Amino acid sequence: MHILSKSTYIKGEQCEKALYLFKNRPFLRDKLSMEQRAKFKRGTDVGLLAQQYFPGGLNMTPNSPSQFDKRFHETMQNLGNPAVNVMYEAVFQYDDTLIMLDIIVRDGDKWRAIEVKSSLSLSPTYYKDAALQYYVLKGCNVPLSDMQLMYINADYVRNGDLDLSQLFVFQSVMEYAEKYQDVISRNITHFKEVIKQPHSPKIPVGNQCDSPYRCEFHGHCWKDMPNESDKPYTIDYKSLYSLIGDKNQSTAFLNLLFYRPAVPLFDGDKPYTEFIIGFSILSNNGNFDRIYNWDCLDELSRWKESLPLLNEQLQGFERVVCFAPQNITASLQRFNLMESKDLNYKILNLKDILEQSEFHHEKVKSDFSLKNVYESVFTGKNLFEHSRIILNALSGNEVEEQLVGSDMELENKALRDIYFHLVR
């Protein structure tokens, strides 16, 4: 029976208190955010695609935690079976630590170990992940030809059918992993002692709460800190009014739904190429709301229809207010469609304006999102995470897809309420 896994080991490196709580008080964890769910889904999808690079493998994924030991013994047996050349999610255990290796491929009389990442580059955490896996594999006496990270090629351009040999690139981390083995051994010994302690380690909150990942015990550890969220927001209204300009212009509120697939969907696209899959336009003349919604969830290849429609629907307005993490004008220009040029001068990104106007509240410290700004301005009110819309839009579930339009309207109404509350 294992004590540690790859995720709990990384958790221990970030914060020993988080490791202790995860093993002994898991019920104290924060609710998994929609953004985290979206990231997990993306990682899973890329991992399944990577398996096609090495077809015909055995899937060793346990159906439940109770099968870990069984799968471990089966994995070890398969290593000696000449009929087995590839395994997915192979289970290995050593020094009370369990890993599930994404892909392991026979390489002559040795094996090539591969960990898959859905990113365009490699972070130090990925190297540490691989080093831990190498430690366990080495402890299991697996003869390795290499330990590699497999990730997405930022320069790949799709042309016809997906070319997995060009989509993915590999980086050997075996030399790094070798140098890190003594550190891992010491950490594992120490982490096992931490878990056995009668109480959680006395570690104050700090930068480790959000780096390299936001800790899932953030809410528990910060609950006794002074509640800055009760304080009102602050803003430099002089700057705000200067940036807003004429408040009497006819105004529409625009909510754009962008999609950035890790794997390019269309010819000419690179990984994480951004395009519009839906939008909602809201205007108000003081008596009633005018709402116009559009999406291409039934066929994503129709996304270019969005630009002419946007131009048509927004032509009668002098100002278009949105709230976007990216430079919205640059995004529209990047699509290189003539219809978008008429929109560029009208668009006002409220996120940029609020940041430039020194809008501050405890809620927006970690994430300057529409949700957090809305909840900062309107105490006691709540808004869902934007990632909920993305997950529903890409779920393939008809019922969930039908929620996309109404959710975009709700976000747009929140944007309108913020705007009129601040620009009064």
Protein backbone atom coordinates (compact mmCIF):
# COMPACT_ATOMS: atom_id res chain seq x y z
CA MET A 1 0.00 0.00 0.00
CA HIS A 2 1.50 3.31 -1.05
CA ILE A 3 1.71 6.44 1.10
CA LEU A 4 2.75 8.99 -1.51
CA SER A 5 1.94 9.57 -5.15
CA LYS A 6 3.27 12.00 -7.74
CA SER A 7 0.62 14.59 -6.88
CA THR A 8 1.10 14.31 -3.12
CA TYR A 9 4.89 14.47 -3.49
CA ILE A 10 4.61 17.71 -5.51
CA LYS A 11 2.14 18.96 -2.92
CA GLY A 12 4.70 18.29 -0.20
CA GLU A 13 7.36 20.23 -2.06
CA GLN A 14 5.03 23.21 -2.30
CA CYS A 15 3.80 23.07 1.30
CA GLU A 16 4.13 20.33 3.92
CA LYS A 17 0.95 21.49 5.61
CA ALA A 18 -0.97 20.91 2.37
CA LEU A 19 0.48 17.39 2.17
CA TYR A 20 -0.51 16.63 5.76
CA LEU A 21 -4.05 17.96 5.29
CA PHE A 22 -4.52 16.06 2.03
CA LYS A 23 -3.56 12.76 3.67
CA ASN A 24 -5.27 13.34 7.03
CA ARG A 25 -7.98 15.99 6.55
CA PRO A 26 -9.03 15.77 2.89
CA PHE A 27 -12.52 17.04 3.69
CA LEU A 28 -11.02 20.51 4.27
CA ARG A 29 -10.18 20.94 0.59
CA ASP A 30 -11.68 23.80 -1.41
CA LYS A 31 -14.26 22.98 -4.03
CA LEU A 32 -12.59 22.25 -7.36
CA SER A 33 -12.88 25.34 -9.55
CA MET A 34 -14.28 25.26 -13.07
CA GLU A 35 -10.95 26.55 -14.36
CA GLN A 36 -9.14 23.61 -12.76
CA ARG A 37 -11.68 21.19 -14.23
CA ALA A 38 -11.10 22.68 -17.67
CA LYS A 39 -7.33 22.25 -17.28
CA PHE A 40 -7.72 18.64 -16.16
CA LYS A 41 -9.96 17.88 -19.13
CA ARG A 42 -7.47 19.44 -21.54
CA GLY A 43 -4.64 17.41 -20.04
CA THR A 44 -6.69 14.21 -20.30
CA ASP A 45 -7.60 14.88 -23.93
CA VAL A 46 -3.98 15.55 -24.93
CA GLY A 47 -2.85 12.46 -23.02
CA LEU A 48 -5.28 10.26 -24.94
CA LEU A 49 -4.09 11.77 -28.21
CA ALA A 50 -0.48 11.09 -27.26
CA GLN A 51 -1.33 7.41 -26.84
CA GLN A 52 -2.16 7.30 -30.55
CA TYR A 53 1.47 8.22 -31.24
CA PHE A 54 2.29 4.78 -29.79
CA PRO A 55 -0.71 2.65 -30.83
CA GLY A 56 -1.57 -0.85 -29.68
CA GLY A 57 -0.62 -0.43 -26.03
CA LEU A 58 -2.19 -1.98 -22.95
CA ASN A 59 -4.20 0.38 -20.78
CA MET A 60 -3.19 -0.34 -17.18
CA THR A 61 -5.47 2.27 -15.57
CA PRO A 62 -6.95 0.86 -12.34
CA ASN A 63 -10.74 0.96 -12.10
CA SER A 64 -10.50 1.94 -8.43
CA PRO A 65 -7.80 2.63 -5.78
CA SER A 66 -8.23 -0.92 -4.52
CA GLN A 67 -6.69 -2.17 -7.80
CA PHE A 68 -3.40 -0.28 -7.50
CA ASP A 69 -1.47 -3.25 -6.11
CA LYS A 70 -2.95 -5.61 -8.68
CA ARG A 71 -2.08 -3.28 -11.55
CA PHE A 72 1.42 -2.81 -10.21
CA HIS A 73 2.08 -6.56 -10.29
CA GLU A 74 0.53 -6.83 -13.75
CA THR A 75 2.73 -3.98 -14.98
CA MET A 76 5.86 -5.68 -13.69
CA GLN A 77 4.82 -8.94 -15.36
CA ASN A 78 4.21 -7.16 -18.66
CA LEU A 79 7.73 -5.75 -18.63
CA GLY A 80 8.99 -9.31 -19.05
CA ASN A 81 6.41 -10.28 -21.67
CA PRO A 82 7.90 -9.95 -25.19
CA ALA A 83 4.39 -9.61 -26.63
CA VAL A 84 3.88 -6.30 -24.78
CA ASN A 85 5.57 -3.30 -26.38
CA VAL A 86 3.58 -0.35 -25.07
CA MET A 87 1.66 0.36 -21.86
CA TYR A 88 -0.48 3.37 -20.93
CA GLU A 89 -0.86 4.53 -17.32
CA ALA A 90 1.46 1.76 -16.12
CA VAL A 91 1.50 1.50 -12.32
CA PHE A 92 4.79 1.38 -10.40
CA GLN A 93 5.45 1.45 -6.63
CA TYR A 94 8.68 1.94 -4.74
CA ASP A 95 9.59 3.42 -1.36
CA ASP A 96 5.88 3.71 -0.47
CA THR A 97 5.41 5.95 -3.52
CA LEU A 98 3.09 5.20 -6.44
CA ILE A 99 3.21 6.62 -9.96
CA MET A 100 1.12 6.06 -13.06
CA LEU A 101 3.36 6.62 -16.06
CA ASP A 102 1.58 8.08 -19.07
CA ILE A 103 3.38 5.92 -21.64
CA ILE A 104 6.15 3.34 -21.50
CA VAL A 105 7.52 1.94 -24.80
CA ARG A 106 9.80 -1.03 -25.41
CA ASP A 107 13.15 0.14 -26.80
CA GLY A 108 15.23 -2.94 -27.65
CA ASP A 109 16.00 -4.68 -24.38
CA LYS A 110 15.11 -1.53 -22.41
CA TRP A 111 12.11 0.76 -21.96
CA ARG A 112 11.49 4.40 -22.83
CA ALA A 113 9.47 6.21 -20.15
CA ILE A 114 7.31 9.15 -21.29
CA GLU A 115 5.32 11.73 -19.33
CA VAL A 116 2.87 13.78 -21.44
CA LYS A 117 2.23 17.52 -20.95
CA SER A 118 -0.41 19.62 -22.70
CA SER A 119 1.73 22.78 -22.65
CA LEU A 120 3.91 24.46 -25.28
CA SER A 121 6.94 24.62 -22.98
CA LEU A 122 8.37 22.86 -19.95
CA SER A 123 8.34 24.28 -16.43
CA PRO A 124 10.64 23.32 -13.51
CA THR A 125 7.68 21.47 -11.94
CA TYR A 126 7.48 19.18 -14.97
CA TYR A 127 11.13 18.27 -14.57
CA LYS A 128 10.54 17.47 -10.89
CA ASP A 129 7.53 15.32 -11.86
CA ALA A 130 9.70 13.33 -14.23
CA ALA A 131 12.55 13.03 -11.73
CA LEU A 132 10.20 11.49 -9.16
CA GLN A 133 8.90 9.04 -11.73
CA TYR A 134 12.45 8.13 -12.67
CA TYR A 135 13.19 7.49 -8.98
CA VAL A 136 10.30 5.04 -8.69
CA LEU A 137 11.10 3.34 -12.01
CA LYS A 138 14.74 2.96 -11.03
CA GLY A 139 13.69 1.54 -7.66
CA CYS A 140 11.55 -1.03 -9.50
CA ASN A 141 14.65 -2.02 -11.52
CA VAL A 142 13.03 -1.03 -14.82
CA PRO A 143 15.80 -0.95 -17.47
CA LEU A 144 15.38 2.52 -19.00
CA SER A 145 16.83 3.79 -22.25
CA ASP A 146 15.48 7.27 -21.54
CA MET A 147 13.09 9.34 -19.42
CA GLN A 148 11.30 11.91 -21.57
CA LEU A 149 8.73 14.68 -21.45
CA MET A 150 6.37 14.74 -24.43
CA TYR A 151 4.71 18.10 -25.07
CA ILE A 152 3.11 20.20 -27.80
CA ASN A 153 5.15 21.73 -30.60
CA ALA A 154 4.38 25.47 -30.66
CA ASP A 155 5.54 25.72 -34.29
CA TYR A 156 3.30 22.99 -35.68
CA VAL A 157 0.86 24.19 -38.34
CA ARG A 158 -1.98 21.88 -39.28
CA ASN A 159 -2.28 21.00 -42.95
CA GLY A 160 -4.84 18.30 -43.60
CA ASP A 161 -5.03 15.36 -41.20
CA LEU A 162 -3.41 15.78 -37.80
CA ASP A 163 0.28 14.80 -37.93
CA LEU A 164 1.15 13.51 -34.47
CA SER A 165 4.83 13.19 -35.41
CA GLN A 166 4.88 16.98 -35.89
CA LEU A 167 2.40 17.94 -33.19
CA PHE A 168 4.46 16.47 -30.36
CA VAL A 169 8.08 17.01 -29.40
CA PHE A 170 10.22 15.18 -26.85
CA GLN A 171 12.74 16.34 -24.27
CA SER A 172 15.02 13.94 -22.43
CA VAL A 173 15.16 14.64 -18.69
CA MET A 174 17.16 11.58 -17.67
CA GLU A 175 20.34 13.50 -16.91
CA TYR A 176 18.42 15.97 -14.76
CA ALA A 177 16.55 13.17 -13.01
CA GLU A 178 19.80 11.37 -12.12
CA LYS A 179 21.13 14.46 -10.35
CA TYR A 180 17.92 14.85 -8.38
CA GLN A 181 17.67 11.33 -6.95
CA ASP A 182 19.25 11.95 -3.54
CA VAL A 183 16.99 14.95 -2.98
CA ILE A 184 13.92 12.90 -3.84
CA SER A 185 14.94 10.09 -1.51
CA ARG A 186 15.38 12.53 1.38
CA ASN A 187 12.11 14.28 0.59
CA ILE A 188 10.14 11.04 0.50
CA THR A 189 11.53 10.00 3.89
CA HIS A 190 10.72 13.40 5.33
CA PHE A 191 7.24 13.60 3.80
CA LYS A 192 6.30 10.22 5.25
CA GLU A 193 7.28 11.54 8.68
CA VAL A 194 5.22 14.68 8.13
CA ILE A 195 2.14 12.59 7.36
CA LYS A 196 2.56 10.64 10.61
CA GLN A 197 2.61 13.75 12.81
CA PRO A 198 -0.32 14.15 15.24
CA HIS A 199 -0.97 17.70 14.05
CA SER A 200 -0.47 19.65 10.85
CA PRO A 201 2.80 21.58 10.52
CA LYS A 202 2.68 25.19 11.73
CA ILE A 203 3.31 26.92 8.43
CA PRO A 204 2.04 30.48 7.95
CA VAL A 205 0.27 31.48 4.78
CA GLY A 206 2.54 32.95 2.13
CA ASN A 207 3.65 32.81 -1.48
CA GLN A 208 3.60 29.01 -1.40
CA CYS A 209 -0.20 29.16 -1.22
CA ASP A 210 -0.35 30.03 -4.92
CA SER A 211 2.96 28.83 -6.39
CA PRO A 212 3.44 26.81 -8.49
CA TYR A 213 -0.29 25.98 -8.11
CA ARG A 214 -3.10 27.44 -6.04
CA CYS A 215 -3.36 25.19 -2.99
CA GLU A 216 -6.63 23.32 -2.59
CA PHE A 217 -6.57 24.14 1.15
CA HIS A 218 -6.39 27.86 0.51
CA GLY A 219 -9.80 28.52 2.06
CA HIS A 220 -8.96 26.54 5.20
CA CYS A 221 -5.58 28.14 5.84
CA TRP A 222 -6.74 31.69 5.13
CA LYS A 223 -9.96 31.54 7.13
CA ASP A 224 -8.36 33.04 10.26
CA MET A 225 -6.71 35.88 8.40
CA PRO A 226 -8.30 39.36 8.64
CA ASN A 227 -11.22 39.37 6.21
CA GLU A 228 -10.11 41.99 3.73
CA SER A 229 -13.03 41.02 1.52
CA ASP A 230 -15.35 42.91 3.87
CA LYS A 231 -13.61 46.15 3.01
CA PRO A 232 -15.04 48.22 0.12
CA TYR A 233 -13.25 48.43 -3.19
CA THR A 234 -11.13 51.44 -4.04
CA ILE A 235 -10.75 53.13 -7.41
CA ASP A 236 -9.31 56.32 -8.86
CA TYR A 237 -12.49 57.83 -10.28
CA LYS A 238 -10.60 60.69 -11.94
CA SER A 239 -8.66 58.20 -14.04
CA LEU A 240 -11.79 56.11 -14.63
CA TYR A 241 -13.82 59.02 -16.02
CA SER A 242 -10.89 60.19 -18.11
CA LEU A 243 -10.56 56.73 -19.70
CA ILE A 244 -14.31 56.24 -20.14
CA GLY A 245 -14.84 59.54 -21.93
CA ASP A 246 -18.34 60.55 -23.00
CA LYS A 247 -20.77 58.66 -20.78
CA ASN A 248 -23.75 59.56 -22.96
CA GLN A 249 -22.70 57.60 -26.03
CA SER A 250 -25.02 54.80 -27.15
CA THR A 251 -23.54 51.66 -25.62
CA ALA A 252 -23.70 47.91 -26.24
CA PHE A 253 -22.22 45.28 -23.95
CA LEU A 254 -20.38 42.47 -25.64
CA ASN A 255 -19.47 39.06 -24.23
CA LEU A 256 -17.17 37.07 -26.50
CA LEU A 257 -16.60 33.35 -25.97
CA PHE A 258 -13.11 32.40 -27.12
CA TYR A 259 -11.75 28.88 -27.57
CA ARG A 260 -8.05 28.04 -27.63
CA PRO A 261 -7.74 24.31 -28.37
CA ALA A 262 -4.41 22.73 -27.51
CA VAL A 263 -4.67 20.68 -30.69
CA PRO A 264 -5.35 22.78 -33.83
CA LEU A 265 -8.70 22.02 -35.43
CA PHE A 266 -8.38 23.72 -38.80
CA ASP A 267 -5.81 24.01 -41.58
CA GLY A 268 -3.38 26.86 -41.06
CA ASP A 269 -3.83 26.89 -37.28
CA LYS A 270 -1.16 26.32 -34.64
CA PRO A 271 -1.72 24.82 -31.17
CA TYR A 272 -3.76 27.12 -28.93
CA THR A 273 -4.91 29.27 -31.86
CA GLU A 274 -7.77 31.40 -30.59
CA PHE A 275 -11.13 31.86 -32.28
CA ILE A 276 -14.66 32.94 -31.39
CA ILE A 277 -17.28 30.24 -30.79
CA GLY A 278 -20.05 32.44 -29.41
CA PHE A 279 -21.07 35.93 -28.38
CA SER A 280 -23.83 37.81 -26.61
CA ILE A 281 -24.74 41.47 -27.21
CA LEU A 282 -26.78 43.38 -24.64
CA SER A 283 -28.09 46.95 -25.01
CA ASN A 284 -30.44 48.93 -22.82
CA ASN A 285 -32.44 52.02 -23.66
CA GLY A 286 -33.71 52.50 -20.13
CA ASN A 287 -36.93 50.56 -20.67
CA PHE A 288 -35.94 47.10 -21.84
CA ASP A 289 -32.95 44.94 -22.71
CA ARG A 290 -32.13 44.04 -26.29
CA ILE A 291 -30.26 40.75 -26.47
CA TYR A 292 -28.64 39.06 -29.45
CA ASN A 293 -26.90 35.69 -29.03
CA TRP A 294 -24.92 33.61 -31.52
CA ASP A 295 -22.78 30.48 -31.32
CA CYS A 296 -21.32 27.81 -33.59
CA LEU A 297 -21.31 24.94 -31.11
CA ASP A 298 -23.03 22.70 -33.63
CA GLU A 299 -20.17 23.19 -36.10
CA LEU A 300 -17.05 25.02 -34.94
CA SER A 301 -15.84 25.51 -38.50
CA ARG A 302 -18.55 28.19 -38.82
CA TRP A 303 -16.70 30.46 -36.39
CA LYS A 304 -15.77 33.01 -39.09
CA GLU A 305 -19.44 33.88 -39.41
CA SER A 306 -19.07 35.72 -36.10
CA LEU A 307 -17.16 38.74 -37.44
CA PRO A 308 -19.71 39.90 -40.08
CA LEU A 309 -22.51 39.32 -37.57
CA LEU A 310 -20.71 41.32 -34.90
CA ASN A 311 -20.15 44.17 -37.32
CA GLU A 312 -23.80 44.14 -38.38
CA GLN A 313 -25.24 44.00 -34.86
CA LEU A 314 -22.93 46.64 -33.38
CA GLN A 315 -22.99 49.20 -36.17
CA GLY A 316 -25.64 51.38 -34.55
CA PHE A 317 -23.68 51.87 -31.32
CA GLU A 318 -21.02 54.44 -30.58
CA ARG A 319 -19.37 52.32 -27.88
CA VAL A 320 -18.94 48.60 -27.26
CA VAL A 321 -18.01 47.59 -23.70
CA CYS A 322 -16.48 44.19 -22.96
CA PHE A 323 -14.45 42.56 -20.20
CA ALA A 324 -11.69 40.39 -21.55
CA PRO A 325 -8.31 39.16 -20.29
CA GLN A 326 -6.75 39.74 -23.68
CA ASN A 327 -6.41 42.79 -25.91
CA ILE A 328 -9.75 42.43 -27.66
CA THR A 329 -8.88 44.79 -30.50
CA ALA A 330 -5.70 42.88 -31.24
CA SER A 331 -7.68 39.64 -31.24
CA LEU A 332 -10.14 40.96 -33.80
CA GLN A 333 -7.34 42.36 -35.95
CA ARG A 334 -5.58 39.01 -35.85
CA PHE A 335 -8.56 37.37 -37.54
CA ASN A 336 -7.76 39.59 -40.55
CA LEU A 337 -11.36 40.08 -41.61
CA MET A 338 -12.36 43.44 -43.09
CA GLU A 339 -15.60 43.55 -41.14
CA SER A 340 -13.74 43.75 -37.82
CA LYS A 341 -12.05 47.06 -38.62
CA ASP A 342 -15.21 49.05 -37.96
CA LEU A 343 -15.37 47.58 -34.47
CA ASN A 344 -11.85 48.30 -33.35
CA TYR A 345 -12.22 51.99 -32.53
CA LYS A 346 -15.48 51.43 -30.62
CA ILE A 347 -14.33 48.70 -28.25
CA LEU A 348 -13.68 49.58 -24.63
CA ASN A 349 -12.21 46.80 -22.49
CA LEU A 350 -13.45 47.51 -18.97
CA LYS A 351 -10.86 45.17 -17.47
CA ASP A 352 -8.02 47.30 -18.84
CA ILE A 353 -9.73 50.50 -17.71
CA LEU A 354 -10.30 49.26 -14.16
CA GLU A 355 -6.69 48.14 -13.85
CA GLN A 356 -5.45 51.48 -15.16
CA SER A 357 -7.83 53.23 -12.73
CA GLU A 358 -6.23 51.31 -9.83
CA PHE A 359 -9.37 49.35 -8.97
CA HIS A 360 -8.50 47.33 -5.87
CA HIS A 361 -10.21 44.79 -3.68
CA GLU A 362 -9.02 41.66 -1.93
CA LYS A 363 -10.99 39.46 -4.31
CA VAL A 364 -9.14 40.65 -7.42
CA LYS A 365 -5.64 40.13 -6.02
CA SER A 366 -5.23 36.61 -7.36
CA ASP A 367 -7.56 36.87 -10.36
CA PHE A 368 -8.84 40.09 -11.96
CA SER A 369 -11.88 38.34 -13.41
CA LEU A 370 -15.39 39.56 -14.15
CA LYS A 371 -16.68 37.33 -11.35
CA ASN A 372 -14.34 38.83 -8.77
CA VAL A 373 -14.89 42.42 -9.89
CA TYR A 374 -18.65 41.91 -9.78
CA GLU A 375 -18.52 40.40 -6.27
CA SER A 376 -16.21 43.25 -5.17
CA VAL A 377 -18.59 45.95 -6.40
CA PHE A 378 -21.81 44.27 -5.25
CA THR A 379 -21.22 42.86 -1.77
CA GLY A 380 -23.21 39.71 -1.11
CA LYS A 381 -23.90 38.94 -4.76
CA ASN A 382 -22.29 36.05 -6.63
CA LEU A 383 -21.37 35.24 -10.20
CA PHE A 384 -20.23 31.89 -11.62
CA GLU A 385 -16.77 31.26 -13.08
CA HIS A 386 -16.39 31.97 -16.79
CA SER A 387 -14.87 28.50 -17.24
CA ARG A 388 -18.32 27.04 -16.60
CA ILE A 389 -19.40 28.37 -19.99
CA ILE A 390 -16.36 26.89 -21.73
CA LEU A 391 -16.90 23.46 -20.15
CA ASN A 392 -20.58 23.44 -21.13
CA ALA A 393 -19.85 24.67 -24.65
CA LEU A 394 -17.36 21.87 -25.30
CA SER A 395 -19.05 19.10 -23.33
CA GLY A 396 -20.81 17.52 -26.32
CA ASN A 397 -23.90 17.36 -24.13
CA GLU A 398 -26.93 19.01 -25.74
CA VAL A 399 -28.47 20.05 -22.42
CA GLU A 400 -25.25 21.66 -21.19
CA GLU A 401 -24.69 23.40 -24.53
CA GLN A 402 -28.14 24.98 -24.25
CA LEU A 403 -27.02 26.69 -21.04
CA VAL A 404 -24.25 28.58 -22.84
CA GLY A 405 -26.45 31.36 -24.24
CA SER A 406 -28.22 32.10 -20.95
CA ASP A 407 -24.93 32.07 -19.03
CA MET A 408 -23.37 34.51 -21.48
CA GLU A 409 -26.38 36.78 -21.02
CA LEU A 410 -25.94 36.65 -17.22
CA GLU A 411 -22.25 37.58 -17.56
CA ASN A 412 -23.17 40.42 -19.88
CA LYS A 413 -25.77 41.75 -17.44
CA ALA A 414 -23.14 41.63 -14.69
CA LEU A 415 -20.81 43.63 -16.94
CA ARG A 416 -23.55 46.19 -17.59
CA ASP A 417 -24.32 46.49 -13.88
CA ILE A 418 -20.66 47.09 -13.03
CA TYR A 419 -20.33 49.68 -15.76
CA PHE A 420 -23.40 51.71 -14.81
CA HIS A 421 -22.61 51.45 -11.10
CA LEU A 422 -19.10 52.86 -11.55
CA VAL A 423 -19.81 55.27 -14.41
CA ARG A 424 -22.65 57.13 -12.74
